[in-house]
Amino acid sequence: FYFTHAFLTGIKQNFARRNKIPIDTLGFDYTCQPIREVTEKHEVGAFVNGMFLEGARWDYDAFQLEDSEPKVLYSEAPMLLVEPVELTKRKSFPHYECPLYRTTERKGTLATTGHSTNFVMDIQLPSDRPQDYWIRGGVALLLELSE
């Protein structure tokens, strides 16, 4: 997951070619996994592991986003299954649209897309709290931590 945009585009391209549909009609569904390691590849999507949560933690019992433990800034994020899906068929569930950044700085150069070069994408994480709760807490996913 180091060259993220090429990786994600490749997943969409393979799906679009296999199903003979336009790539610009695709998005992603994200499914948090109860395990931390996989032994087989997924037929359609990809398992992504090794991310960190800043400002929150993943509760494996409740299987949703929760407040951080006291004095813990970063915690391990759950493994995700990233699956391409037609935008009209995306899953709907209570969630936080969590931004994923490459580094803890969360800043970069403004790209032609209008996003920072440090921003990767938004990922839907299950939550029973409103979006604003997590935004005010500055919750984000990170690919790497500062040294």
Protein backbone atom coordinates (compact mmCIF):
# COMPACT_ATOMS: atom_id res chain seq x y z
CA PHE A 1 0.00 0.00 0.00
CA TYR A 2 3.00 2.28 -0.54
CA PHE A 3 2.08 3.57 -4.01
CA THR A 4 -1.52 4.00 -3.00
CA HIS A 5 -3.15 5.67 -5.98
CA ALA A 6 -1.69 3.20 -8.51
CA PHE A 7 -2.68 0.29 -6.25
CA LEU A 8 -6.27 1.51 -5.88
CA THR A 9 -6.58 2.32 -9.59
CA GLY A 10 -5.32 -1.17 -10.42
CA ILE A 11 -8.01 -2.75 -8.25
CA LYS A 12 -10.69 -0.70 -10.02
CA GLN A 13 -9.25 -1.41 -13.50
CA ASN A 14 -9.22 -5.16 -12.96
CA PHE A 15 -12.81 -5.08 -11.73
CA ALA A 16 -13.99 -2.81 -14.56
CA ARG A 17 -12.36 -4.98 -17.25
CA ARG A 18 -13.66 -8.22 -15.75
CA ASN A 19 -17.22 -6.87 -15.56
CA LYS A 20 -17.08 -4.71 -18.72
CA ILE A 21 -18.19 -1.52 -16.97
CA PRO A 22 -16.71 2.01 -17.03
CA ILE A 23 -14.11 2.63 -14.34
CA ASP A 24 -15.54 6.06 -13.52
CA THR A 25 -18.75 4.39 -12.24
CA LEU A 26 -16.80 2.58 -9.49
CA GLY A 27 -16.03 3.36 -5.89
CA PHE A 28 -14.96 1.22 -2.95
CA ASP A 29 -16.67 -0.62 -0.13
CA TYR A 30 -14.61 -1.04 3.04
CA THR A 31 -15.09 -3.97 5.39
CA CYS A 32 -13.19 -4.10 8.69
CA GLN A 33 -11.85 -7.57 9.35
CA PRO A 34 -11.98 -9.44 12.68
CA ILE A 35 -8.53 -10.91 12.00
CA ARG A 36 -5.12 -9.28 11.60
CA GLU A 37 -3.51 -11.60 9.07
CA VAL A 38 -4.75 -13.35 5.94
CA THR A 39 -3.30 -16.31 4.13
CA GLU A 40 -5.20 -16.02 0.83
CA LYS A 41 -5.79 -13.14 -1.54
CA HIS A 42 -9.30 -11.84 -2.08
CA GLU A 43 -10.86 -12.65 -5.44
CA VAL A 44 -12.10 -9.12 -6.18
CA GLY A 45 -10.60 -6.62 -3.74
CA ALA A 46 -7.52 -6.45 -1.55
CA PHE A 47 -6.77 -6.73 2.14
CA VAL A 48 -4.98 -3.69 3.55
CA ASN A 49 -3.17 -3.82 6.87
CA GLY A 50 -0.65 -1.74 8.81
CA MET A 51 -2.56 1.53 9.17
CA PHE A 52 -2.86 3.55 12.37
CA LEU A 53 -5.71 5.51 13.93
CA GLU A 54 -4.98 8.92 15.39
CA GLY A 55 -7.41 10.30 17.96
CA ALA A 56 -9.49 7.13 18.24
CA ARG A 57 -9.18 3.35 18.51
CA TRP A 58 -10.81 0.33 16.97
CA ASP A 59 -12.94 -1.73 19.36
CA TYR A 60 -12.89 -5.37 18.21
CA ASP A 61 -15.68 -6.30 20.65
CA ALA A 62 -18.15 -3.62 19.52
CA PHE A 63 -16.61 -3.72 16.02
CA GLN A 64 -16.66 0.04 15.65
CA LEU A 65 -14.69 3.22 16.22
CA GLU A 66 -14.32 4.26 19.86
CA ASP A 67 -12.58 6.98 21.88
CA SER A 68 -8.85 6.54 22.44
CA GLU A 69 -7.58 5.11 25.68
CA PRO A 70 -6.22 7.83 28.02
CA LYS A 71 -2.78 9.13 26.93
CA VAL A 72 -2.75 6.96 23.78
CA LEU A 73 -2.47 9.09 20.64
CA TYR A 74 -2.08 6.32 18.02
CA SER A 75 -3.53 2.84 17.85
CA GLU A 76 -3.50 0.03 15.32
CA ALA A 77 -6.31 0.24 12.79
CA PRO A 78 -8.19 -2.90 11.77
CA MET A 79 -7.33 -4.76 8.61
CA LEU A 80 -9.61 -3.65 5.80
CA LEU A 81 -11.01 -5.42 2.81
CA VAL A 82 -11.14 -2.83 0.02
CA GLU A 83 -13.56 -3.96 -2.69
CA PRO A 84 -14.45 -2.13 -5.90
CA VAL A 85 -18.18 -1.68 -6.36
CA GLU A 86 -20.49 0.28 -8.61
CA LEU A 87 -21.28 3.60 -6.91
CA THR A 88 -25.02 2.85 -7.00
CA LYS A 89 -24.45 -0.43 -5.11
CA ARG A 90 -22.27 0.80 -2.23
CA LYS A 91 -23.15 -0.52 1.24
CA SER A 92 -24.96 1.83 3.58
CA PHE A 93 -24.31 1.69 7.33
CA PRO A 94 -23.70 4.13 10.21
CA HIS A 95 -20.10 5.28 9.75
CA TYR A 96 -17.43 7.96 10.01
CA GLU A 97 -15.93 9.07 6.69
CA CYS A 98 -12.36 8.87 7.98
CA PRO A 99 -9.57 10.61 6.03
CA LEU A 100 -6.47 8.52 5.30
CA TYR A 101 -3.15 10.39 5.19
CA ARG A 102 0.34 9.20 4.32
CA THR A 103 1.99 10.83 7.37
CA THR A 104 1.10 12.43 10.70
CA GLU A 105 1.73 15.92 9.28
CA ARG A 106 -1.51 15.72 7.28
CA LYS A 107 -0.21 18.45 5.02
CA GLY A 108 1.36 18.41 1.61
CA THR A 109 1.30 20.32 -1.61
CA LEU A 110 -2.07 21.08 -3.12
CA ALA A 111 -2.49 18.77 -6.10
CA THR A 112 -4.55 19.48 -9.22
CA THR A 113 -7.29 17.28 -7.72
CA GLY A 114 -7.83 19.88 -4.99
CA HIS A 115 -6.52 17.54 -2.29
CA SER A 116 -3.23 17.57 -0.45
CA THR A 117 -0.55 15.24 -1.81
CA ASN A 118 -0.52 13.72 1.68
CA PHE A 119 -4.24 12.83 1.50
CA VAL A 120 -5.02 9.36 0.10
CA MET A 121 -8.80 8.86 0.38
CA ASP A 122 -11.73 8.70 2.79
CA ILE A 123 -12.56 5.34 4.34
CA GLN A 124 -15.89 4.45 5.93
CA LEU A 125 -15.38 3.11 9.47
CA PRO A 126 -18.39 1.81 11.42
CA SER A 127 -19.45 4.18 14.21
CA ASP A 128 -22.53 4.82 16.33
CA ARG A 129 -21.58 8.48 16.78
CA PRO A 130 -22.23 11.35 14.37
CA GLN A 131 -19.62 12.46 11.83
CA ASP A 132 -19.05 15.77 13.66
CA TYR A 133 -17.97 13.97 16.84
CA TRP A 134 -14.97 12.40 15.12
CA ILE A 135 -14.17 15.51 13.06
CA ARG A 136 -13.94 17.63 16.23
CA GLY A 137 -11.60 14.98 17.67
CA GLY A 138 -9.36 15.19 14.60
CA VAL A 139 -9.63 11.45 13.97
CA ALA A 140 -7.74 10.17 10.95
CA LEU A 141 -6.09 7.05 9.56
CA LEU A 142 -2.34 7.17 8.88
CA LEU A 143 -0.06 5.03 6.75
CA GLU A 144 3.06 5.84 8.77
CA LEU A 145 3.91 7.43 12.09
CA SER A 146 6.56 10.09 12.71
CA GLU A 147 9.79 8.86 14.20
